[in-house]
């Protein structure tokens, strides 16, 4: 591979004419920088040191699923511990632990270059991201090549060399089945943006995706033509769920019609019965927002902020509203009374408001039909009054995996005594090695609304006082000065 395996030679300058050492020539690895950027360059070198140290420290946390003694629950408990140490979600922690394992076991020589500060952290991260599909043997070839590349390369040159190296390696083997266009068929819900915009992505072989797009386009064009004819004839236009076509007397755009067709599509499940949703879709709207007195955003499923106007529109379209009681100062959700062993539907909905994802810290699995209600202190079937009551303070919702881990004793939650009107707290112990206390979610709008209402009332009172003093002056004008 020639230039792809060249050694990491370090350039140097010859001595000056008078025999004194010449100043080293600036390189991409050691550029001449103004004073205010030198700390930035030093920090980038320190970042490489820290990244190498983190990889080395986290590599032992990797549990190989192919290993004979693999224990899924122990691996999950270790992953949650790492997530707490990194202050990230378990999903992110899993990716970092896997990268650490690859760095230590399959890129050891390049990792040494990273730890010395010669390799920028961004370069090493790019190698990890671009080689996720390679075999261990190919990773060894990557390590052999990249560990010898000169640190004086520019970032552009590094990218070019890495791309060429990977192209040569990939051309030597067949593409794995799961990486072929046919093997990558899927539908993905992308992370929701803070402005209330969501995105559903369909991935598959180009011919199938193009055929789907063409069918959708043909259907939208037919609907648009039908809308135009209906408006000309004074009839109700088709596919007009919001009534905007009839209201504006203008056909909808093709893009909007395609969206409405997808949103209203019926799924052919080939006779398979689909169970009804276990939970309703919650849109939490502060009462002042509902009344138009505030622009405080609503929350979709307790985690996704949506604009106030959108929240009001969704509330207006709903036939049933559910009142959620929260403490006006702290925003803590007010508890419901204890019941029998099985939580009521209202209690389950309350738990969803308090924790919209699995209650285990670091887990981002959403609360859905697959979640399981769990008694923090085990329910005493023989004598319920002696502990483990089915009450809000002793319940939370867990994903199936973490419910199983709790049953196995790898995860141990303890509900701490709470102060009425304040969010509750749960102490979590993971494998008796990691301990953390997590506070319940609360309605963030309640304290804000309370302050807003109190400020409004204060201004109202001040206005009344000003009017009263003005009337007093009219009734009892001050004596003229003499």
Protein backbone atom coordinates (compact mmCIF):
# COMPACT_ATOMS: atom_id res chain seq x y z
CA UNK A 1 0.00 0.00 0.00
CA UNK A 2 2.98 2.25 -0.35
CA UNK A 3 2.27 5.70 0.96
CA UNK A 4 -0.52 4.39 3.20
CA UNK A 5 2.08 2.71 5.39
CA UNK A 6 4.79 5.38 5.43
CA UNK A 7 6.59 5.89 8.72
CA UNK A 8 5.87 8.64 11.19
CA UNK A 9 8.99 10.63 10.32
CA UNK A 10 9.40 13.92 12.17
CA UNK A 11 10.82 16.83 10.16
CA UNK A 12 13.63 18.91 11.54
CA UNK A 13 15.56 21.99 10.47
CA UNK A 14 19.27 22.17 9.83
CA UNK A 15 21.42 24.53 11.87
CA UNK A 16 21.66 28.17 10.87
CA UNK A 17 24.58 29.69 9.00
CA UNK A 18 26.25 30.80 12.25
CA UNK A 19 26.00 27.33 13.76
CA UNK A 20 23.13 28.16 16.11
CA UNK A 21 20.13 25.81 16.10
CA UNK A 22 17.51 27.02 13.66
CA UNK A 23 13.95 27.52 14.79
CA UNK A 24 11.85 24.41 14.00
CA UNK A 25 9.70 24.82 10.94
CA UNK A 26 6.00 25.14 11.73
CA UNK A 27 3.96 22.06 10.85
CA UNK A 28 0.24 21.21 11.14
CA UNK A 29 1.17 19.38 14.35
CA UNK A 30 3.08 22.37 15.76
CA UNK A 31 1.93 25.55 14.01
CA UNK A 32 2.99 29.07 14.87
CA UNK A 33 -0.01 30.55 16.66
CA UNK A 34 -0.87 33.90 18.23
CA UNK A 35 -0.77 34.07 21.99
CA UNK A 36 -4.52 33.70 22.54
CA UNK A 37 -4.68 30.43 20.51
CA UNK A 38 -1.76 28.65 22.15
CA UNK A 39 -3.85 27.48 25.12
CA UNK A 40 -6.40 26.10 22.61
CA UNK A 41 -3.69 24.05 20.90
CA UNK A 42 -2.40 22.81 24.26
CA UNK A 43 -5.94 21.84 25.25
CA UNK A 44 -6.33 19.78 22.06
CA UNK A 45 -3.21 17.81 22.97
CA UNK A 46 -4.54 17.31 26.49
CA UNK A 47 -7.83 16.13 24.99
CA UNK A 48 -5.94 13.35 23.18
CA UNK A 49 -4.29 12.32 26.49
CA UNK A 50 -7.68 12.22 28.26
CA UNK A 51 -9.41 10.29 25.47
CA UNK A 52 -6.72 7.60 25.45
CA UNK A 53 -6.93 7.34 29.25
CA UNK A 54 -10.72 7.05 29.10
CA UNK A 55 -10.56 4.29 26.48
CA UNK A 56 -8.06 2.36 28.59
CA UNK A 57 -10.18 2.75 31.74
CA UNK A 58 -13.47 1.78 30.09
CA UNK A 59 -12.31 -1.17 27.98
CA UNK A 60 -12.72 -3.68 30.88
CA UNK A 61 -16.42 -2.68 31.11
CA UNK A 62 -17.09 -4.27 27.73
CA UNK A 63 -19.04 -7.55 27.86
CA UNK A 64 -18.76 -9.62 24.68
CA UNK A 65 -22.13 -11.11 23.75
CA UNK A 66 -20.31 -13.91 21.93
CA UNK A 67 -18.41 -14.93 25.05
CA UNK A 68 -19.47 -18.23 26.61
CA UNK A 69 -19.93 -16.76 30.09
CA UNK A 70 -21.88 -13.69 28.93
CA UNK A 71 -24.50 -12.55 31.46
CA UNK A 72 -26.94 -10.03 29.99
CA UNK A 73 -28.09 -8.65 33.34
CA UNK A 74 -24.55 -8.17 34.67
CA UNK A 75 -23.56 -6.48 31.42
CA UNK A 76 -26.53 -4.15 31.69
CA UNK A 77 -25.73 -3.26 35.31
CA UNK A 78 -22.13 -2.46 34.31
CA UNK A 79 -23.42 -0.32 31.44
CA UNK A 80 -25.67 1.67 33.78
CA UNK A 81 -22.70 2.21 36.10
CA UNK A 82 -20.64 3.58 33.21
CA UNK A 83 -23.54 5.84 32.17
CA UNK A 84 -23.61 7.37 35.65
CA UNK A 85 -19.84 7.86 35.61
CA UNK A 86 -19.97 9.60 32.23
CA UNK A 87 -23.24 11.44 32.97
CA UNK A 88 -24.83 10.17 29.77
CA UNK A 89 -27.55 7.73 28.74
CA UNK A 90 -27.02 3.98 28.64
CA UNK A 91 -27.19 4.07 24.84
CA UNK A 92 -24.35 6.57 24.60
CA UNK A 93 -22.42 4.69 27.30
CA UNK A 94 -22.77 1.47 25.31
CA UNK A 95 -21.29 3.09 22.23
CA UNK A 96 -18.39 4.57 24.23
CA UNK A 97 -17.63 1.24 25.95
CA UNK A 98 -17.67 -0.55 22.60
CA UNK A 99 -15.34 2.07 21.12
CA UNK A 100 -13.04 1.66 24.11
CA UNK A 101 -12.89 -2.09 23.57
CA UNK A 102 -12.08 -1.61 19.87
CA UNK A 103 -9.44 1.03 20.65
CA UNK A 104 -7.62 -1.14 23.19
CA UNK A 105 -7.89 -4.53 21.48
CA UNK A 106 -7.85 -3.70 17.76
CA UNK A 107 -6.13 -0.29 17.49
CA UNK A 108 -3.45 -0.57 20.19
CA UNK A 109 -0.60 1.05 18.25
CA UNK A 110 -2.70 3.97 17.05
CA UNK A 111 -4.00 4.33 20.62
CA UNK A 112 -0.41 4.83 21.80
CA UNK A 113 -0.05 7.66 19.27
CA UNK A 114 -3.28 9.17 20.64
CA UNK A 115 -2.07 8.92 24.22
CA UNK A 116 1.20 10.65 23.32
CA UNK A 117 -0.75 13.65 22.04
CA UNK A 118 0.49 13.20 18.45
CA UNK A 119 -2.90 12.13 17.15
CA UNK A 120 -5.79 14.59 17.45
CA UNK A 121 -8.82 13.14 19.22
CA UNK A 122 -10.96 13.95 16.16
CA UNK A 123 -8.73 11.77 13.96
CA UNK A 124 -9.05 8.77 16.25
CA UNK A 125 -12.81 9.29 16.51
CA UNK A 126 -13.06 9.34 12.72
CA UNK A 127 -11.17 6.05 12.48
CA UNK A 128 -13.62 4.47 14.95
CA UNK A 129 -16.68 5.77 13.11
CA UNK A 130 -15.47 4.77 9.65
CA UNK A 131 -14.40 1.23 10.61
CA UNK A 132 -17.40 -0.08 12.56
CA UNK A 133 -18.17 -2.61 9.81
CA UNK A 134 -14.67 -4.06 9.45
CA UNK A 135 -13.49 -7.46 10.67
CA UNK A 136 -10.83 -7.79 13.40
CA UNK A 137 -8.31 -8.81 10.73
CA UNK A 138 -9.05 -5.68 8.71
CA UNK A 139 -8.86 -3.57 11.87
CA UNK A 140 -5.36 -4.91 12.39
CA UNK A 141 -4.44 -3.66 8.93
CA UNK A 142 -5.93 -0.27 9.72
CA UNK A 143 -3.95 -0.09 12.96
CA UNK A 144 -0.73 -1.03 11.17
CA UNK A 145 -1.21 1.75 8.65
CA UNK A 146 -2.59 4.61 10.74
CA UNK A 147 -0.09 4.10 13.56
CA UNK A 148 2.70 4.96 11.10
CA UNK A 149 1.19 8.05 9.54
CA UNK A 150 3.05 11.25 10.20
CA UNK A 151 1.56 13.61 12.73
CA UNK A 152 2.49 16.46 10.36
CA UNK A 153 -0.31 15.52 7.95
CA UNK A 154 -3.06 18.07 7.50
CA UNK A 155 -6.55 16.98 8.46
CA UNK A 156 -7.52 16.93 4.78
CA UNK A 157 -4.58 14.64 3.97
CA UNK A 158 -5.51 12.36 6.88
CA UNK A 159 -9.11 12.09 5.61
CA UNK A 160 -7.91 11.27 2.09
CA UNK A 161 -5.50 8.58 3.29
CA UNK A 162 -8.11 6.98 5.54
CA UNK A 163 -10.68 6.93 2.73
CA UNK A 164 -8.20 5.32 0.34
CA UNK A 165 -7.16 2.75 2.92
CA UNK A 166 -10.76 1.77 3.68
CA UNK A 167 -11.66 1.62 -0.01
CA UNK A 168 -8.83 -0.85 -0.62
CA UNK A 169 -9.82 -3.00 2.34
CA UNK A 170 -13.51 -3.02 1.44
CA UNK A 171 -12.77 -3.98 -2.17
CA UNK A 172 -11.13 -7.19 -0.93
CA UNK A 173 -14.27 -8.70 0.58
CA UNK A 174 -17.99 -9.00 0.03
CA UNK A 175 -20.29 -6.56 1.80
CA UNK A 176 -21.87 -8.17 4.93
CA UNK A 177 -25.54 -8.98 4.49
CA UNK A 178 -26.67 -6.49 7.14
CA UNK A 179 -24.86 -3.65 5.33
CA UNK A 180 -26.33 -4.30 1.90
CA UNK A 181 -29.22 -2.08 0.74
CA UNK A 182 -31.59 -5.03 1.29
CA UNK A 183 -30.24 -5.65 4.77
CA UNK A 184 -30.68 -2.04 5.82
CA UNK A 185 -34.46 -1.88 5.28
CA UNK A 186 -35.96 -0.06 8.24
CA UNK A 187 -38.03 2.88 9.47
CA UNK A 188 -36.43 5.19 12.03
CA UNK A 189 -37.90 7.82 14.33
CA UNK A 190 -35.22 10.47 14.56
CA UNK A 191 -34.68 12.51 17.77
CA UNK A 192 -37.38 15.16 18.14
CA UNK A 193 -36.28 18.77 17.89
CA UNK A 194 -37.12 21.32 20.56
CA UNK A 195 -39.36 23.30 18.19
CA UNK A 196 -41.98 20.56 18.01
CA UNK A 197 -40.75 19.07 14.71
CA UNK A 198 -40.42 15.29 14.37
CA UNK A 199 -38.96 13.18 11.57
CA UNK A 200 -39.68 9.62 10.41
CA UNK A 201 -37.07 8.21 8.03
CA UNK A 202 -37.56 5.27 5.65
CA UNK A 203 -34.39 3.47 4.53
CA UNK A 204 -34.12 0.72 1.93
CA UNK A 205 -32.89 -0.23 -1.54
CA UNK A 206 -33.09 2.71 -3.92
CA UNK A 207 -35.51 1.02 -6.38
CA UNK A 208 -38.00 0.27 -3.59
CA UNK A 209 -37.75 3.76 -2.10
CA UNK A 210 -38.15 5.37 -5.53
CA UNK A 211 -41.17 3.18 -6.27
CA UNK A 212 -42.73 4.18 -2.94
CA UNK A 213 -42.05 7.85 -3.66
CA UNK A 214 -43.59 7.56 -7.12
CA UNK A 215 -46.75 5.89 -5.78
CA UNK A 216 -47.07 8.55 -3.10
CA UNK A 217 -46.50 11.32 -5.65
CA UNK A 218 -49.06 9.86 -8.08
CA UNK A 219 -51.66 9.57 -5.30
CA UNK A 220 -51.00 13.15 -4.12
CA UNK A 221 -51.34 14.53 -7.65
CA UNK A 222 -54.62 12.68 -8.11
CA UNK A 223 -55.95 14.07 -4.81
CA UNK A 224 -54.79 17.59 -5.70
CA UNK A 225 -56.64 17.39 -9.01
CA UNK A 226 -59.75 16.14 -7.21
CA UNK A 227 -59.50 19.03 -4.75
CA UNK A 228 -59.32 21.48 -7.65
CA UNK A 229 -62.42 19.97 -9.33
CA UNK A 230 -64.32 19.94 -6.00
CA UNK A 231 -63.58 23.63 -5.39
CA UNK A 232 -64.72 24.52 -8.91
CA UNK A 233 -67.95 22.56 -8.39
CA UNK A 234 -68.55 23.99 -4.93
CA UNK A 235 -68.24 20.59 -3.30
CA UNK A 236 -66.34 19.45 -0.20
CA UNK A 237 -62.69 18.75 -1.17
CA UNK A 238 -61.21 15.31 -0.41
CA UNK A 239 -58.28 14.67 1.97
CA UNK A 240 -58.76 17.92 3.88
CA UNK A 241 -58.34 16.84 7.54
CA UNK A 242 -57.82 20.38 8.84
CA UNK A 243 -60.40 22.02 6.60
CA UNK A 244 -57.86 24.49 5.21
CA UNK A 245 -58.59 23.66 1.56
CA UNK A 246 -62.29 24.43 1.98
CA UNK A 247 -61.53 27.52 4.09
CA UNK A 248 -58.96 29.05 1.73
CA UNK A 249 -60.46 27.73 -1.54
CA UNK A 250 -56.92 26.71 -2.54
CA UNK A 251 -55.63 23.21 -3.14
CA UNK A 252 -53.05 21.86 -0.70
CA UNK A 253 -49.43 21.46 -1.75
CA UNK A 254 -48.29 18.06 -2.96
CA UNK A 255 -45.97 17.77 0.03
CA UNK A 256 -48.84 18.38 2.49
CA UNK A 257 -51.13 15.94 0.68
CA UNK A 258 -48.41 13.28 0.81
CA UNK A 259 -48.06 13.90 4.55
CA UNK A 260 -51.84 13.57 5.08
CA UNK A 261 -51.98 10.40 3.00
CA UNK A 262 -49.24 8.82 5.09
CA UNK A 263 -50.76 10.00 8.35
CA UNK A 264 -54.16 8.56 7.49
CA UNK A 265 -52.92 5.33 5.91
CA UNK A 266 -54.35 2.04 7.17
CA UNK A 267 -51.78 -0.69 7.84
CA UNK A 268 -52.35 -4.12 6.31
CA UNK A 269 -51.26 -6.52 9.07
CA UNK A 270 -52.36 -9.63 7.15
CA UNK A 271 -55.04 -10.49 9.69
CA UNK A 272 -52.84 -10.01 12.76
CA UNK A 273 -54.78 -8.35 15.58
CA UNK A 274 -53.12 -5.21 16.93
CA UNK A 275 -53.84 -4.53 20.59
CA UNK A 276 -55.14 -1.14 21.64
CA UNK A 277 -52.59 1.33 23.05
CA UNK A 278 -51.92 0.76 26.73
CA UNK A 279 -51.47 4.48 27.35
CA UNK A 280 -52.99 7.57 25.83
CA UNK A 281 -50.81 10.12 24.03
CA UNK A 282 -50.26 12.87 26.58
CA UNK A 283 -50.03 16.53 25.64
CA UNK A 284 -49.54 18.55 28.82
CA UNK A 285 -50.72 22.15 28.45
CA UNK A 286 -50.39 24.70 31.30
CA UNK A 287 -53.77 26.18 32.12
CA UNK A 288 -52.60 29.76 31.48
CA UNK A 289 -51.33 28.69 28.05
CA UNK A 290 -54.71 27.09 27.39
CA UNK A 291 -56.45 30.37 28.27
CA UNK A 292 -54.12 32.38 26.05
CA UNK A 293 -52.59 34.23 28.98
CA UNK A 294 -49.12 32.75 28.57
CA UNK A 295 -46.78 31.45 25.87
CA UNK A 296 -45.33 28.74 28.14
CA UNK A 297 -44.77 25.71 25.85
CA UNK A 298 -46.67 22.46 26.21
CA UNK A 299 -45.04 19.05 26.51
CA UNK A 300 -45.66 16.05 24.28
CA UNK A 301 -45.21 12.81 26.25
CA UNK A 302 -43.59 14.82 29.02
CA UNK A 303 -40.28 15.30 27.22
CA UNK A 304 -40.83 17.06 23.89
CA UNK A 305 -41.51 20.82 24.10
CA UNK A 306 -44.08 22.09 21.60
CA UNK A 307 -44.99 25.73 20.90
CA UNK A 308 -47.91 27.21 22.85
CA UNK A 309 -49.98 27.69 19.68
CA UNK A 310 -49.54 24.02 18.75
CA UNK A 311 -50.44 22.93 22.29
CA UNK A 312 -53.64 25.01 22.20
CA UNK A 313 -54.56 23.60 18.78
CA UNK A 314 -54.09 20.00 19.95
CA UNK A 315 -56.11 20.68 23.09
CA UNK A 316 -58.90 22.21 21.01
CA UNK A 317 -59.07 19.10 18.84
CA UNK A 318 -59.43 16.75 21.82
CA UNK A 319 -62.85 15.64 23.05
CA UNK A 320 -61.59 14.85 26.57
CA UNK A 321 -59.26 16.79 28.85
CA UNK A 322 -57.59 15.26 31.89
CA UNK A 323 -56.70 17.44 34.85
CA UNK A 324 -53.21 16.86 36.24
CA UNK A 325 -52.75 18.15 39.77
CA UNK A 326 -49.33 19.54 40.66
CA UNK A 327 -47.99 21.55 43.54
CA UNK A 328 -48.12 25.20 42.39
CA UNK A 329 -44.73 26.11 43.85
CA UNK A 330 -42.58 23.03 43.21
CA UNK A 331 -44.38 21.45 40.27
CA UNK A 332 -44.41 18.05 42.02
CA UNK A 333 -47.19 15.76 40.82
CA UNK A 334 -49.64 15.26 43.68
CA UNK A 335 -49.98 11.58 44.65
CA UNK A 336 -53.04 9.40 44.28
CA UNK A 337 -54.31 7.11 47.08
CA UNK A 338 -53.03 3.56 47.60
CA UNK A 339 -54.94 0.82 45.83
CA UNK A 340 -54.81 -2.97 45.53
CA UNK A 341 -51.85 -4.84 44.00
CA UNK A 342 -52.61 -3.89 40.39
CA UNK A 343 -52.20 -0.13 39.76
CA UNK A 344 -55.19 1.64 38.29
CA UNK A 345 -55.06 3.22 34.84
CA UNK A 346 -54.99 6.66 36.49
CA UNK A 347 -51.98 5.63 38.58
CA UNK A 348 -50.15 4.34 35.50
CA UNK A 349 -50.78 7.62 33.70
CA UNK A 350 -49.54 9.50 36.78
CA UNK A 351 -46.33 7.45 36.77
CA UNK A 352 -45.85 8.30 33.09
CA UNK A 353 -46.09 11.99 33.92
CA UNK A 354 -43.51 11.60 36.68
CA UNK A 355 -41.07 9.56 34.54
CA UNK A 356 -41.65 9.48 30.80
CA UNK A 357 -38.84 6.97 30.30
CA UNK A 358 -37.75 3.90 32.26
CA UNK A 359 -37.12 5.11 35.82
CA UNK A 360 -33.61 3.60 35.97
CA UNK A 361 -31.07 6.46 35.68
CA UNK A 362 -29.39 6.42 32.28
CA UNK A 363 -32.13 4.47 30.49
CA UNK A 364 -33.98 6.34 27.74
CA UNK A 365 -36.40 3.59 26.71
CA UNK A 366 -39.81 5.30 26.47
CA UNK A 367 -42.70 4.17 28.64
CA UNK A 368 -44.92 2.18 26.27
CA UNK A 369 -46.97 -0.97 26.15
CA UNK A 370 -43.79 -2.95 26.86
CA UNK A 371 -43.04 -1.18 30.16
CA UNK A 372 -43.86 -2.82 33.48
CA UNK A 373 -45.16 -1.30 36.71
CA UNK A 374 -42.87 -2.22 39.58
CA UNK A 375 -43.24 -1.99 43.36
CA UNK A 376 -40.07 -0.34 44.70
CA UNK A 377 -40.62 -2.11 48.03
CA UNK A 378 -41.95 -5.54 47.14
CA UNK A 379 -45.70 -5.97 47.60
CA UNK A 380 -46.58 -8.11 50.62
CA UNK A 381 -49.34 -10.35 49.29
CA UNK A 382 -49.89 -11.94 52.70
CA UNK A 383 -50.21 -8.67 54.61
CA UNK A 384 -50.32 -5.60 52.29
CA UNK A 385 -50.45 -3.20 55.24
CA UNK A 386 -46.97 -4.25 56.34
CA UNK A 387 -45.25 -2.66 53.34
CA UNK A 388 -45.02 -2.62 49.62
CA UNK A 389 -48.29 -0.75 49.13
CA UNK A 390 -49.62 -0.09 45.65
CA UNK A 391 -49.30 3.67 45.92
CA UNK A 392 -47.59 6.31 43.81
CA UNK A 393 -44.73 6.69 46.27
CA UNK A 394 -43.92 2.97 45.97
CA UNK A 395 -44.33 2.58 42.22
CA UNK A 396 -42.38 3.32 39.08
CA UNK A 397 -42.37 2.08 35.48
CA UNK A 398 -39.41 0.06 34.22
CA UNK A 399 -38.49 -1.38 30.85
CA UNK A 400 -38.60 -5.18 30.80
CA UNK A 401 -34.81 -5.53 30.92
CA UNK A 402 -34.33 -3.37 33.99
CA UNK A 403 -37.36 -4.90 35.71
CA UNK A 404 -35.64 -8.26 35.29
CA UNK A 405 -32.34 -6.83 36.56
CA UNK A 406 -34.11 -5.47 39.66
CA UNK A 407 -35.72 -8.84 40.28
CA UNK A 408 -32.27 -10.44 40.01
CA UNK A 409 -30.94 -8.02 42.65
CA UNK A 410 -28.46 -6.26 40.34
CA UNK A 411 -30.40 -3.00 40.59
CA UNK A 412 -31.83 -1.97 43.95
CA UNK A 413 -34.00 1.17 44.29
CA UNK A 414 -35.06 2.64 47.62
CA UNK A 415 -37.77 5.28 47.87
CA UNK A 416 -36.64 8.00 50.28
CA UNK A 417 -39.03 9.83 52.66
CA UNK A 418 -40.56 12.77 50.86
CA UNK A 419 -41.83 16.17 51.92
CA UNK A 420 -45.43 16.88 50.88
CA UNK A 421 -45.53 19.29 47.97
CA UNK A 422 -41.95 18.56 46.88
CA UNK A 423 -40.71 16.09 44.25
CA UNK A 424 -39.89 12.67 45.66
CA UNK A 425 -36.47 11.01 45.51
CA UNK A 426 -35.26 7.49 44.80
CA UNK A 427 -31.87 6.10 45.83
CA UNK A 428 -30.43 3.65 43.31
CA UNK A 429 -27.73 1.06 43.96
CA UNK A 430 -26.22 -0.80 41.02
CA UNK A 431 -24.38 -4.02 41.86
CA UNK A 432 -23.74 -2.53 45.34
CA UNK A 433 -20.90 -0.51 43.78
CA UNK A 434 -22.57 2.55 42.27
CA UNK A 435 -24.96 4.72 44.28
CA UNK A 436 -26.96 7.75 43.18
CA UNK A 437 -30.09 9.64 44.28
CA UNK A 438 -32.51 10.77 41.56
CA UNK A 439 -35.27 13.33 42.02
CA UNK A 440 -38.64 12.87 40.31
CA UNK A 441 -39.53 14.90 37.28
CA UNK A 442 -41.88 17.78 37.91
CA UNK A 443 -44.12 20.08 35.92
CA UNK A 444 -41.69 22.89 35.13
CA UNK A 445 -44.51 25.24 34.15
CA UNK A 446 -46.19 25.31 37.58
CA UNK A 447 -43.57 27.38 39.48
CA UNK A 448 -43.24 29.70 36.50
CA UNK A 449 -47.01 30.18 36.33
CA UNK A 450 -47.17 30.76 40.07
CA UNK A 451 -44.56 33.51 39.87
CA UNK A 452 -46.33 35.01 36.87
CA UNK A 453 -49.69 35.01 38.63
CA UNK A 454 -48.18 36.47 41.81
CA UNK A 455 -46.43 39.22 39.82
CA UNK A 456 -49.69 39.96 38.02
CA UNK A 457 -51.56 40.11 41.31
CA UNK A 458 -48.91 42.40 42.80
CA UNK A 459 -49.22 44.76 39.82
CA UNK A 460 -53.02 44.62 40.15
CA UNK A 461 -52.82 45.47 43.85
CA UNK A 462 -50.39 48.30 43.14
CA UNK A 463 -52.81 49.71 40.57
CA UNK A 464 -55.70 49.57 43.04
CA UNK A 465 -53.59 51.32 45.68
CA UNK A 466 -52.64 54.04 43.20
CA UNK A 467 -56.31 54.59 42.30
CA UNK A 468 -57.29 54.72 45.98
CA UNK A 469 -54.64 57.31 46.74
CA UNK A 470 -55.75 59.37 43.75
CA UNK A 471 -59.36 59.32 44.99
CA UNK A 472 -58.22 60.30 48.46
CA UNK A 473 -56.39 63.30 47.01
CA UNK A 474 -59.54 64.33 45.09
CA UNK A 475 -61.71 64.03 48.18
CA UNK A 476 -59.22 65.68 50.53
CA UNK A 477 -57.08 67.96 48.44
CA UNK A 478 -54.03 69.32 50.28
CA UNK A 479 -54.30 72.82 51.71
CA UNK A 480 -52.75 75.46 49.47
CA UNK A 481 -49.44 76.76 50.73
CA UNK A 482 -49.43 80.24 52.29
